[in-house]
Amino acid sequence: MTNKTVWITGASSGLGLHTAMAFAAAGWQVIAGARSFCDGAPRPELAGVTCLPLDVTSAASIQSFCAQALEITPRVDALVQCAGMLVLGSCEETDPDEYRRVLDTNFLGMVRVNQAVLPVLRRQGGGKIVLFSSINGLMGIPYQSAYTASKHAIEGYAECLALEVQRFGVRVMLVEPGDHRSGSDRYRAHAAAMSPQSPYAGDYQRATARIHHDEQNGSDPDCLGGKLARVLARKRIPFRLRIASPDQHLAVWIHKLLPARFNAWVLRQYYLHDTH
């Protein structure tokens, strides 16, 4: 058991919820924030978990969350940022406002929360910041360009952040999950312009069917949450923690080591090949 406190964003569903459950089971005091808690949605009844409204796209909501959390416990040992969404669509037909919405939540939301919490971490002499990236932060797949762009941004931002805050005793870790059985369709929108009349319609249907299949048959999200809780219980944490199936680990290494033309062929065969 531990007396440590963790703040978790995006904790109402998906990997954020399973992460909150795992930390609570490990004895952490969990302060869970989510946009849906602002809407009066049912909050999980979990021992050791306090649910607070948090919209990471709103500076006022973030400040309110931090103030309420610090009233519950004056210290934050770890901040785990899981808030995220995606929009599926072709690069040509995904509207700039749809890109902006994804980036505003996935990337700029993390930036806003970090900027609010870092003064607390510096005053207390340190802490840990965990940023949820993705396998998509390392490689792109068709029809997830907005999500992929946001995760690539997180990867670069985290490298900068880690260099800057180390002198204050703050450690940064990127979590790069593969496909897991979790998430809510509420945060998996389709670009408004996608339709059967789209020139990309056939490929889009094949790719999104493959994406849905892989998520439905993905890894156990409880295992991810448990592993993360165990890693954060240590004094030293790695900068990158990839939690994925063996074939997804292999895909990342292939992407790193083999020519771009070969990688593109592999991904086209996997996501776009018509089996009929």
C-alpha atoms as a PDB file:
ATOM      1  CA  MET A   1       0.000   0.000   0.000  1.00  0.00           C
ATOM      2  CA  THR A   2       1.073   3.595  -0.603  1.00  0.00           C
ATOM      3  CA  ASN A   3       0.010   7.008   0.642  1.00  0.00           C
ATOM      4  CA  LYS A   4       0.855   8.668  -2.663  1.00  0.00           C
ATOM      5  CA  THR A   5      -1.526  10.742  -4.755  1.00  0.00           C
ATOM      6  CA  VAL A   6      -2.017  10.597  -8.510  1.00  0.00           C
ATOM      7  CA  TRP A   7      -4.061  12.942 -10.692  1.00  0.00           C
ATOM      8  CA  ILE A   8      -5.446  11.306 -13.828  1.00  0.00           C
ATOM      9  CA  THR A   9      -7.049  13.136 -16.752  1.00  0.00           C
ATOM     10  CA  GLY A  10      -9.512  11.495 -19.136  1.00  0.00           C
ATOM     11  CA  ALA A  11     -10.452   9.068 -16.379  1.00  0.00           C
ATOM     12  CA  SER A  12     -14.115   8.453 -17.183  1.00  0.00           C
ATOM     13  CA  SER A  13     -13.597   5.756 -19.829  1.00  0.00           C
ATOM     14  CA  GLY A  14     -11.048   3.801 -21.804  1.00  0.00           C
ATOM     15  CA  LEU A  15      -7.466   3.507 -20.677  1.00  0.00           C
ATOM     16  CA  GLY A  16      -7.893   6.470 -18.320  1.00  0.00           C
ATOM     17  CA  LEU A  17     -10.599   4.682 -16.335  1.00  0.00           C
ATOM     18  CA  HIS A  18      -8.675   1.403 -16.188  1.00  0.00           C
ATOM     19  CA  THR A  19      -5.559   3.290 -15.114  1.00  0.00           C
ATOM     20  CA  ALA A  20      -7.492   5.012 -12.323  1.00  0.00           C
ATOM     21  CA  MET A  21      -8.870   1.665 -11.154  1.00  0.00           C
ATOM     22  CA  ALA A  22      -5.396   0.105 -11.119  1.00  0.00           C
ATOM     23  CA  PHE A  23      -3.854   2.938  -9.102  1.00  0.00           C
ATOM     24  CA  ALA A  24      -6.709   2.798  -6.599  1.00  0.00           C
ATOM     25  CA  ALA A  25      -6.240  -0.965  -6.254  1.00  0.00           C
ATOM     26  CA  ALA A  26      -2.528  -0.370  -5.617  1.00  0.00           C
ATOM     27  CA  GLY A  27      -3.377   1.954  -2.726  1.00  0.00           C
ATOM     28  CA  TRP A  28      -2.893   5.351  -4.338  1.00  0.00           C
ATOM     29  CA  GLN A  29      -5.207   8.260  -3.621  1.00  0.00           C
ATOM     30  CA  VAL A  30      -6.655   8.915  -7.072  1.00  0.00           C
ATOM     31  CA  ILE A  31      -8.021  12.277  -8.182  1.00  0.00           C
ATOM     32  CA  ALA A  32      -9.801  11.502 -11.447  1.00  0.00           C
ATOM     33  CA  GLY A  33     -10.762  14.243 -13.878  1.00  0.00           C
ATOM     34  CA  ALA A  34     -12.891  14.005 -17.017  1.00  0.00           C
ATOM     35  CA  ARG A  35     -14.977  16.176 -19.296  1.00  0.00           C
ATOM     36  CA  SER A  36     -17.977  13.887 -18.901  1.00  0.00           C
ATOM     37  CA  PHE A  37     -17.977  14.596 -15.160  1.00  0.00           C
ATOM     38  CA  CYS A  38     -18.764  18.207 -16.120  1.00  0.00           C
ATOM     39  CA  ASP A  39     -21.941  16.991 -17.845  1.00  0.00           C
ATOM     40  CA  GLY A  40     -23.355  15.242 -14.790  1.00  0.00           C
ATOM     41  CA  ALA A  41     -22.618  11.778 -16.174  1.00  0.00           C
ATOM     42  CA  PRO A  42     -22.457   8.906 -13.662  1.00  0.00           C
ATOM     43  CA  ARG A  43     -19.108   8.803 -11.895  1.00  0.00           C
ATOM     44  CA  PRO A  44     -17.406   5.510 -11.083  1.00  0.00           C
ATOM     45  CA  GLU A  45     -17.925   4.443  -7.484  1.00  0.00           C
ATOM     46  CA  LEU A  46     -14.421   3.251  -6.630  1.00  0.00           C
ATOM     47  CA  ALA A  47     -12.694   3.205  -3.272  1.00  0.00           C
ATOM     48  CA  GLY A  48      -9.827   5.643  -3.239  1.00  0.00           C
ATOM     49  CA  VAL A  49     -11.044   7.549  -6.314  1.00  0.00           C
ATOM     50  CA  THR A  50     -12.382  11.095  -6.201  1.00  0.00           C
ATOM     51  CA  CYS A  51     -13.978  12.251  -9.451  1.00  0.00           C
ATOM     52  CA  LEU A  52     -13.816  15.938 -10.383  1.00  0.00           C
ATOM     53  CA  PRO A  53     -15.003  17.793 -13.484  1.00  0.00           C
ATOM     54  CA  LEU A  54     -12.151  18.541 -15.887  1.00  0.00           C
ATOM     55  CA  ASP A  55     -12.231  19.865 -19.432  1.00  0.00           C
ATOM     56  CA  VAL A  56      -8.620  20.012 -20.644  1.00  0.00           C
ATOM     57  CA  THR A  57      -9.585  22.466 -23.399  1.00  0.00           C
ATOM     58  CA  SER A  58     -10.622  25.059 -20.776  1.00  0.00           C
ATOM     59  CA  ALA A  59      -8.070  26.939 -18.681  1.00  0.00           C
ATOM     60  CA  ALA A  60     -10.787  27.824 -16.145  1.00  0.00           C
ATOM     61  CA  SER A  61     -11.817  24.167 -15.765  1.00  0.00           C
ATOM     62  CA  ILE A  62      -8.186  23.134 -15.262  1.00  0.00           C
ATOM     63  CA  GLN A  63      -7.637  25.773 -12.575  1.00  0.00           C
ATOM     64  CA  SER A  64     -10.813  24.689 -10.789  1.00  0.00           C
ATOM     65  CA  PHE A  65      -9.757  21.030 -10.936  1.00  0.00           C
ATOM     66  CA  CYS A  66      -6.312  21.820  -9.496  1.00  0.00           C
ATOM     67  CA  ALA A  67      -7.759  23.945  -6.693  1.00  0.00           C
ATOM     68  CA  GLN A  68     -10.263  21.245  -5.694  1.00  0.00           C
ATOM     69  CA  ALA A  69      -7.636  18.496  -5.898  1.00  0.00           C
ATOM     70  CA  LEU A  70      -5.211  20.417  -3.689  1.00  0.00           C
ATOM     71  CA  GLU A  71      -7.941  20.825  -1.088  1.00  0.00           C
ATOM     72  CA  ILE A  72      -8.266  17.038  -0.955  1.00  0.00           C
ATOM     73  CA  THR A  73      -4.515  16.469  -0.635  1.00  0.00           C
ATOM     74  CA  PRO A  74      -1.799  19.153  -0.730  1.00  0.00           C
ATOM     75  CA  ARG A  75       0.642  16.981  -2.691  1.00  0.00           C
ATOM     76  CA  VAL A  76       0.586  15.387  -6.130  1.00  0.00           C
ATOM     77  CA  ASP A  77       3.144  12.628  -6.591  1.00  0.00           C
ATOM     78  CA  ALA A  78       2.199  11.791 -10.170  1.00  0.00           C
ATOM     79  CA  LEU A  79       0.184  13.359 -12.974  1.00  0.00           C
ATOM     80  CA  VAL A  80      -1.063  10.884 -15.585  1.00  0.00           C
ATOM     81  CA  GLN A  81      -2.549  12.466 -18.702  1.00  0.00           C
ATOM     82  CA  CYS A  82      -4.898  10.149 -20.589  1.00  0.00           C
ATOM     83  CA  ALA A  83      -7.460  12.589 -22.040  1.00  0.00           C
ATOM     84  CA  GLY A  84      -7.872  12.017 -25.752  1.00  0.00           C
ATOM     85  CA  MET A  85     -10.126  11.628 -28.757  1.00  0.00           C
ATOM     86  CA  LEU A  86      -9.827  10.849 -32.440  1.00  0.00           C
ATOM     87  CA  VAL A  87     -11.527  11.700 -35.714  1.00  0.00           C
ATOM     88  CA  LEU A  88     -11.386   9.126 -38.494  1.00  0.00           C
ATOM     89  CA  GLY A  89     -11.219  10.511 -42.007  1.00  0.00           C
ATOM     90  CA  SER A  90      -9.106  10.992 -45.096  1.00  0.00           C
ATOM     91  CA  CYS A  91      -6.444  13.693 -45.027  1.00  0.00           C
ATOM     92  CA  GLU A  92      -8.189  15.447 -47.912  1.00  0.00           C
ATOM     93  CA  GLU A  93     -11.637  15.468 -46.357  1.00  0.00           C
ATOM     94  CA  THR A  94     -10.922  15.969 -42.649  1.00  0.00           C
ATOM     95  CA  ASP A  95     -11.811  19.586 -41.969  1.00  0.00           C
ATOM     96  CA  PRO A  96      -9.185  21.855 -40.338  1.00  0.00           C
ATOM     97  CA  ASP A  97     -11.639  22.411 -37.482  1.00  0.00           C
ATOM     98  CA  GLU A  98     -11.722  18.642 -36.904  1.00  0.00           C
ATOM     99  CA  TYR A  99      -7.924  18.588 -36.797  1.00  0.00           C
ATOM    100  CA  ARG A 100      -8.028  21.531 -34.409  1.00  0.00           C
ATOM    101  CA  ARG A 101     -10.492  19.773 -32.090  1.00  0.00           C
ATOM    102  CA  VAL A 102      -8.310  16.665 -31.834  1.00  0.00           C
ATOM    103  CA  LEU A 103      -5.105  18.634 -31.276  1.00  0.00           C
ATOM    104  CA  ASP A 104      -6.821  20.891 -28.741  1.00  0.00           C
ATOM    105  CA  THR A 105      -7.728  17.889 -26.590  1.00  0.00           C
ATOM    106  CA  ASN A 106      -4.899  15.440 -27.161  1.00  0.00           C
ATOM    107  CA  PHE A 107      -1.914  17.776 -27.327  1.00  0.00           C
ATOM    108  CA  LEU A 108      -2.784  21.283 -26.145  1.00  0.00           C
ATOM    109  CA  GLY A 109      -4.883  19.805 -23.336  1.00  0.00           C
ATOM    110  CA  MET A 110      -1.741  18.147 -21.995  1.00  0.00           C
ATOM    111  CA  VAL A 111       0.182  21.393 -22.347  1.00  0.00           C
ATOM    112  CA  ARG A 112      -2.446  23.336 -20.393  1.00  0.00           C
ATOM    113  CA  VAL A 113      -2.603  20.813 -17.558  1.00  0.00           C
ATOM    114  CA  ASN A 114       1.187  20.587 -17.328  1.00  0.00           C
ATOM    115  CA  GLN A 115       1.491  24.360 -17.115  1.00  0.00           C
ATOM    116  CA  ALA A 116      -1.020  24.391 -14.255  1.00  0.00           C
ATOM    117  CA  VAL A 117       0.570  21.497 -12.331  1.00  0.00           C
ATOM    118  CA  LEU A 118       4.286  22.155 -12.828  1.00  0.00           C
ATOM    119  CA  PRO A 119       4.386  25.036 -10.300  1.00  0.00           C
ATOM    120  CA  VAL A 120       2.995  22.607  -7.705  1.00  0.00           C
ATOM    121  CA  LEU A 121       5.606  19.990  -8.567  1.00  0.00           C
ATOM    122  CA  ARG A 122       8.441  22.519  -8.410  1.00  0.00           C
ATOM    123  CA  ARG A 123       7.301  23.856  -5.029  1.00  0.00           C
ATOM    124  CA  GLN A 124       7.142  20.379  -3.517  1.00  0.00           C
ATOM    125  CA  GLY A 125      10.533  19.424  -4.945  1.00  0.00           C
ATOM    126  CA  GLY A 126       9.560  16.972  -7.649  1.00  0.00           C
ATOM    127  CA  GLY A 127       7.060  14.481  -8.994  1.00  0.00           C
ATOM    128  CA  LYS A 128       6.286  12.421 -12.059  1.00  0.00           C
ATOM    129  CA  ILE A 129       4.457  13.350 -15.253  1.00  0.00           C
ATOM    130  CA  VAL A 130       3.112  10.599 -17.500  1.00  0.00           C
ATOM    131  CA  LEU A 131       1.900  11.503 -20.983  1.00  0.00           C
ATOM    132  CA  PHE A 132      -0.143   9.013 -22.970  1.00  0.00           C
ATOM    133  CA  SER A 133       1.141   8.827 -26.506  1.00  0.00           C
ATOM    134  CA  SER A 134       0.461   5.806 -28.710  1.00  0.00           C
ATOM    135  CA  ILE A 135       2.008   3.462 -31.233  1.00  0.00           C
ATOM    136  CA  ASN A 136       0.571   6.102 -33.593  1.00  0.00           C
ATOM    137  CA  GLY A 137       3.034   8.533 -32.088  1.00  0.00           C
ATOM    138  CA  LEU A 138       5.765   6.468 -33.747  1.00  0.00           C
ATOM    139  CA  MET A 139       4.130   5.575 -37.064  1.00  0.00           C
ATOM    140  CA  GLY A 140       1.132   6.670 -39.095  1.00  0.00           C
ATOM    141  CA  ILE A 141      -1.750   4.560 -40.359  1.00  0.00           C
ATOM    142  CA  PRO A 142      -4.350   5.547 -42.960  1.00  0.00           C
ATOM    143  CA  TYR A 143      -7.413   7.559 -41.970  1.00  0.00           C
ATOM    144  CA  GLN A 144      -6.120   8.470 -38.505  1.00  0.00           C
ATOM    145  CA  SER A 145      -4.070  11.504 -39.503  1.00  0.00           C
ATOM    146  CA  ALA A 146      -5.505  13.898 -36.871  1.00  0.00           C
ATOM    147  CA  TYR A 147      -4.900  11.445 -34.035  1.00  0.00           C
ATOM    148  CA  THR A 148      -1.478  10.490 -35.384  1.00  0.00           C
ATOM    149  CA  ALA A 149      -0.433  14.142 -35.706  1.00  0.00           C
ATOM    150  CA  SER A 150      -1.452  14.818 -32.098  1.00  0.00           C
ATOM    151  CA  LYS A 151       0.524  11.827 -30.812  1.00  0.00           C
ATOM    152  CA  HIS A 152       3.618  12.749 -32.838  1.00  0.00           C
ATOM    153  CA  ALA A 153       3.380  16.207 -31.271  1.00  0.00           C
ATOM    154  CA  ILE A 154       3.279  14.661 -27.789  1.00  0.00           C
ATOM    155  CA  GLU A 155       6.402  12.619 -28.508  1.00  0.00           C
ATOM    156  CA  GLY A 156       8.461  15.690 -29.445  1.00  0.00           C
ATOM    157  CA  TYR A 157       6.992  17.849 -26.690  1.00  0.00           C
ATOM    158  CA  ALA A 158       7.785  15.227 -24.041  1.00  0.00           C
ATOM    159  CA  GLU A 159      11.451  15.155 -25.052  1.00  0.00           C
ATOM    160  CA  CYS A 160      11.659  18.922 -24.577  1.00  0.00           C
ATOM    161  CA  LEU A 161       9.728  18.825 -21.296  1.00  0.00           C
ATOM    162  CA  ALA A 162      11.927  16.097 -19.800  1.00  0.00           C
ATOM    163  CA  LEU A 163      15.094  18.098 -20.488  1.00  0.00           C
ATOM    164  CA  GLU A 164      13.689  21.266 -18.942  1.00  0.00           C
ATOM    165  CA  VAL A 165      12.168  19.935 -15.718  1.00  0.00           C
ATOM    166  CA  GLN A 166      14.759  17.392 -14.608  1.00  0.00           C
ATOM    167  CA  ARG A 167      16.621  19.971 -12.528  1.00  0.00           C
ATOM    168  CA  PHE A 168      13.453  20.427 -10.428  1.00  0.00           C
ATOM    169  CA  GLY A 169      13.208  16.719  -9.606  1.00  0.00           C
ATOM    170  CA  VAL A 170      10.370  16.177 -12.098  1.00  0.00           C
ATOM    171  CA  ARG A 171      10.546  13.029 -14.210  1.00  0.00           C
ATOM    172  CA  VAL A 172       8.637  12.575 -17.457  1.00  0.00           C
ATOM    173  CA  MET A 173       7.461   9.322 -19.028  1.00  0.00           C
ATOM    174  CA  LEU A 174       5.759   8.604 -22.340  1.00  0.00           C
ATOM    175  CA  VAL A 175       3.344   5.673 -22.407  1.00  0.00           C
ATOM    176  CA  GLU A 176       2.919   4.223 -25.899  1.00  0.00           C
ATOM    177  CA  PRO A 177      -0.041   1.811 -25.854  1.00  0.00           C
ATOM    178  CA  GLY A 178      -0.922  -0.465 -28.702  1.00  0.00           C
ATOM    179  CA  ASP A 179      -4.512  -1.559 -29.283  1.00  0.00           C
ATOM    180  CA  HIS A 180      -6.444  -2.261 -26.088  1.00  0.00           C
ATOM    181  CA  ARG A 181     -10.034  -3.293 -25.474  1.00  0.00           C
ATOM    182  CA  SER A 182     -11.293   0.027 -24.164  1.00  0.00           C
ATOM    183  CA  GLY A 183     -12.621   3.384 -25.165  1.00  0.00           C
ATOM    184  CA  SER A 184     -15.929   4.928 -26.024  1.00  0.00           C
ATOM    185  CA  ASP A 185     -17.438   5.670 -29.439  1.00  0.00           C
ATOM    186  CA  ARG A 186     -18.211   9.102 -28.020  1.00  0.00           C
ATOM    187  CA  TYR A 187     -14.533   9.938 -28.532  1.00  0.00           C
ATOM    188  CA  ARG A 188     -14.150   8.156 -31.895  1.00  0.00           C
ATOM    189  CA  ALA A 189     -15.895  10.413 -34.383  1.00  0.00           C
ATOM    190  CA  HIS A 190     -15.913  10.172 -38.159  1.00  0.00           C
ATOM    191  CA  ALA A 191     -15.053  13.221 -40.235  1.00  0.00           C
ATOM    192  CA  ALA A 192     -18.231  14.965 -41.309  1.00  0.00           C
ATOM    193  CA  ALA A 193     -17.282  14.865 -45.000  1.00  0.00           C
ATOM    194  CA  MET A 194     -16.813  11.096 -45.156  1.00  0.00           C
ATOM    195  CA  SER A 195     -19.658   9.497 -47.129  1.00  0.00           C
ATOM    196  CA  PRO A 196     -20.315   6.656 -49.589  1.00  0.00           C
ATOM    197  CA  GLN A 197     -19.701   9.200 -52.351  1.00  0.00           C
ATOM    198  CA  SER A 198     -16.158   9.910 -51.155  1.00  0.00           C
ATOM    199  CA  PRO A 199     -13.394   8.882 -53.597  1.00  0.00           C
ATOM    200  CA  TYR A 200     -11.803   7.198 -50.558  1.00  0.00           C
ATOM    201  CA  ALA A 201     -14.962   5.332 -49.495  1.00  0.00           C
ATOM    202  CA  GLY A 202     -13.816   1.770 -50.230  1.00  0.00           C
ATOM    203  CA  ASP A 203     -10.397   2.119 -48.618  1.00  0.00           C
ATOM    204  CA  TYR A 204     -11.915   4.053 -45.724  1.00  0.00           C
ATOM    205  CA  GLN A 205     -14.402   1.281 -44.962  1.00  0.00           C
ATOM    206  CA  ARG A 206     -11.682  -1.376 -45.113  1.00  0.00           C
ATOM    207  CA  ALA A 207      -9.269   0.603 -42.923  1.00  0.00           C
ATOM    208  CA  THR A 208     -11.804   1.575 -40.278  1.00  0.00           C
ATOM    209  CA  ALA A 209     -13.095  -2.016 -40.129  1.00  0.00           C
ATOM    210  CA  ARG A 210      -9.534  -3.188 -39.484  1.00  0.00           C
ATOM    211  CA  ILE A 211      -9.004  -0.490 -36.848  1.00  0.00           C
ATOM    212  CA  HIS A 212     -12.254  -1.463 -35.096  1.00  0.00           C
ATOM    213  CA  HIS A 213     -11.340  -5.162 -35.215  1.00  0.00           C
ATOM    214  CA  ASP A 214      -7.904  -4.550 -33.724  1.00  0.00           C
ATOM    215  CA  GLU A 215      -9.347  -2.460 -30.886  1.00  0.00           C
ATOM    216  CA  GLN A 216     -12.060  -4.993 -30.086  1.00  0.00           C
ATOM    217  CA  ASN A 217      -9.448  -7.769 -29.994  1.00  0.00           C
ATOM    218  CA  GLY A 218      -6.714  -5.759 -28.334  1.00  0.00           C
ATOM    219  CA  SER A 219      -4.836  -6.258 -25.100  1.00  0.00           C
ATOM    220  CA  ASP A 220      -6.392  -6.186 -21.634  1.00  0.00           C
ATOM    221  CA  PRO A 221      -6.598  -2.560 -20.413  1.00  0.00           C
ATOM    222  CA  ASP A 222      -6.458  -3.711 -16.781  1.00  0.00           C
ATOM    223  CA  CYS A 223      -3.001  -5.144 -17.456  1.00  0.00           C
ATOM    224  CA  LEU A 224      -1.883  -1.783 -18.815  1.00  0.00           C
ATOM    225  CA  GLY A 225      -3.182   0.047 -15.757  1.00  0.00           C
ATOM    226  CA  GLY A 226      -1.547  -2.437 -13.402  1.00  0.00           C
ATOM    227  CA  LYS A 227       1.808  -2.207 -15.166  1.00  0.00           C
ATOM    228  CA  LEU A 228       1.732   1.573 -15.070  1.00  0.00           C
ATOM    229  CA  ALA A 229       0.952   1.583 -11.336  1.00  0.00           C
ATOM    230  CA  ARG A 230       3.869  -0.773 -10.690  1.00  0.00           C
ATOM    231  CA  VAL A 231       6.289   1.321 -12.743  1.00  0.00           C
ATOM    232  CA  LEU A 232       5.303   4.577 -11.034  1.00  0.00           C
ATOM    233  CA  ALA A 233       5.839   2.986  -7.621  1.00  0.00           C
ATOM    234  CA  ARG A 234       9.563   2.885  -8.444  1.00  0.00           C
ATOM    235  CA  LYS A 235      11.961   5.708  -7.740  1.00  0.00           C
ATOM    236  CA  ARG A 236      13.290   5.678 -11.309  1.00  0.00           C
ATOM    237  CA  ILE A 237      10.990   5.526 -14.304  1.00  0.00           C
ATOM    238  CA  PRO A 238      11.855   4.996 -17.973  1.00  0.00           C
ATOM    239  CA  PHE A 239      11.331   7.808 -20.434  1.00  0.00           C
ATOM    240  CA  ARG A 240       9.362   5.513 -22.766  1.00  0.00           C
ATOM    241  CA  LEU A 241       7.092   2.645 -21.775  1.00  0.00           C
ATOM    242  CA  ARG A 242       5.584   0.813 -24.740  1.00  0.00           C
ATOM    243  CA  ILE A 243       2.708  -1.490 -23.783  1.00  0.00           C
ATOM    244  CA  ALA A 244       1.636  -3.437 -26.838  1.00  0.00           C
ATOM    245  CA  SER A 245       1.267  -6.887 -28.319  1.00  0.00           C
ATOM    246  CA  PRO A 246       4.344  -8.606 -29.799  1.00  0.00           C
ATOM    247  CA  ASP A 247       3.218  -7.948 -33.385  1.00  0.00           C
ATOM    248  CA  GLN A 248       2.831  -4.228 -32.660  1.00  0.00           C
ATOM    249  CA  HIS A 249       6.288  -4.102 -31.093  1.00  0.00           C
ATOM    250  CA  LEU A 250       7.538  -5.766 -34.271  1.00  0.00           C
ATOM    251  CA  ALA A 251       5.714  -3.233 -36.456  1.00  0.00           C
ATOM    252  CA  VAL A 252       7.499  -0.368 -34.665  1.00  0.00           C
ATOM    253  CA  TRP A 253      10.906  -1.987 -35.170  1.00  0.00           C
ATOM    254  CA  ILE A 254      10.159  -2.664 -38.837  1.00  0.00           C
ATOM    255  CA  HIS A 255       9.148   0.964 -39.226  1.00  0.00           C
ATOM    256  CA  LYS A 256      12.444   2.084 -37.670  1.00  0.00           C
ATOM    257  CA  LEU A 257      14.792  -0.263 -39.477  1.00  0.00           C
ATOM    258  CA  LEU A 258      13.405  -0.971 -42.944  1.00  0.00           C
ATOM    259  CA  PRO A 259      12.997   1.336 -45.971  1.00  0.00           C
ATOM    260  CA  ALA A 260       9.979   3.635 -46.117  1.00  0.00           C
ATOM    261  CA  ARG A 261       8.757   2.050 -49.335  1.00  0.00           C
ATOM    262  CA  PHE A 262       8.622  -1.389 -47.692  1.00  0.00           C
ATOM    263  CA  ASN A 263       6.824  -0.002 -44.630  1.00  0.00           C
ATOM    264  CA  ALA A 264       4.230   1.667 -46.823  1.00  0.00           C
ATOM    265  CA  TRP A 265       3.630  -1.598 -48.688  1.00  0.00           C
ATOM    266  CA  VAL A 266       3.145  -3.516 -45.423  1.00  0.00           C
ATOM    267  CA  LEU A 267       0.671  -0.952 -44.083  1.00  0.00           C
ATOM    268  CA  ARG A 268      -1.284  -0.798 -47.339  1.00  0.00           C
ATOM    269  CA  GLN A 269      -1.592  -4.588 -47.356  1.00  0.00           C
ATOM    270  CA  TYR A 270      -2.756  -4.627 -43.752  1.00  0.00           C
ATOM    271  CA  TYR A 271      -5.240  -1.745 -43.782  1.00  0.00           C
ATOM    272  CA  LEU A 272      -6.320  -1.290 -47.409  1.00  0.00           C
ATOM    273  CA  HIS A 273      -6.061  -4.677 -49.107  1.00  0.00           C
ATOM    274  CA  ASP A 274      -9.392  -5.839 -50.505  1.00  0.00           C
ATOM    275  CA  THR A 275      -9.812  -9.478 -49.527  1.00  0.00           C
ATOM    276  CA  HIS A 276     -12.879 -10.006 -51.748  1.00  0.00           C
END
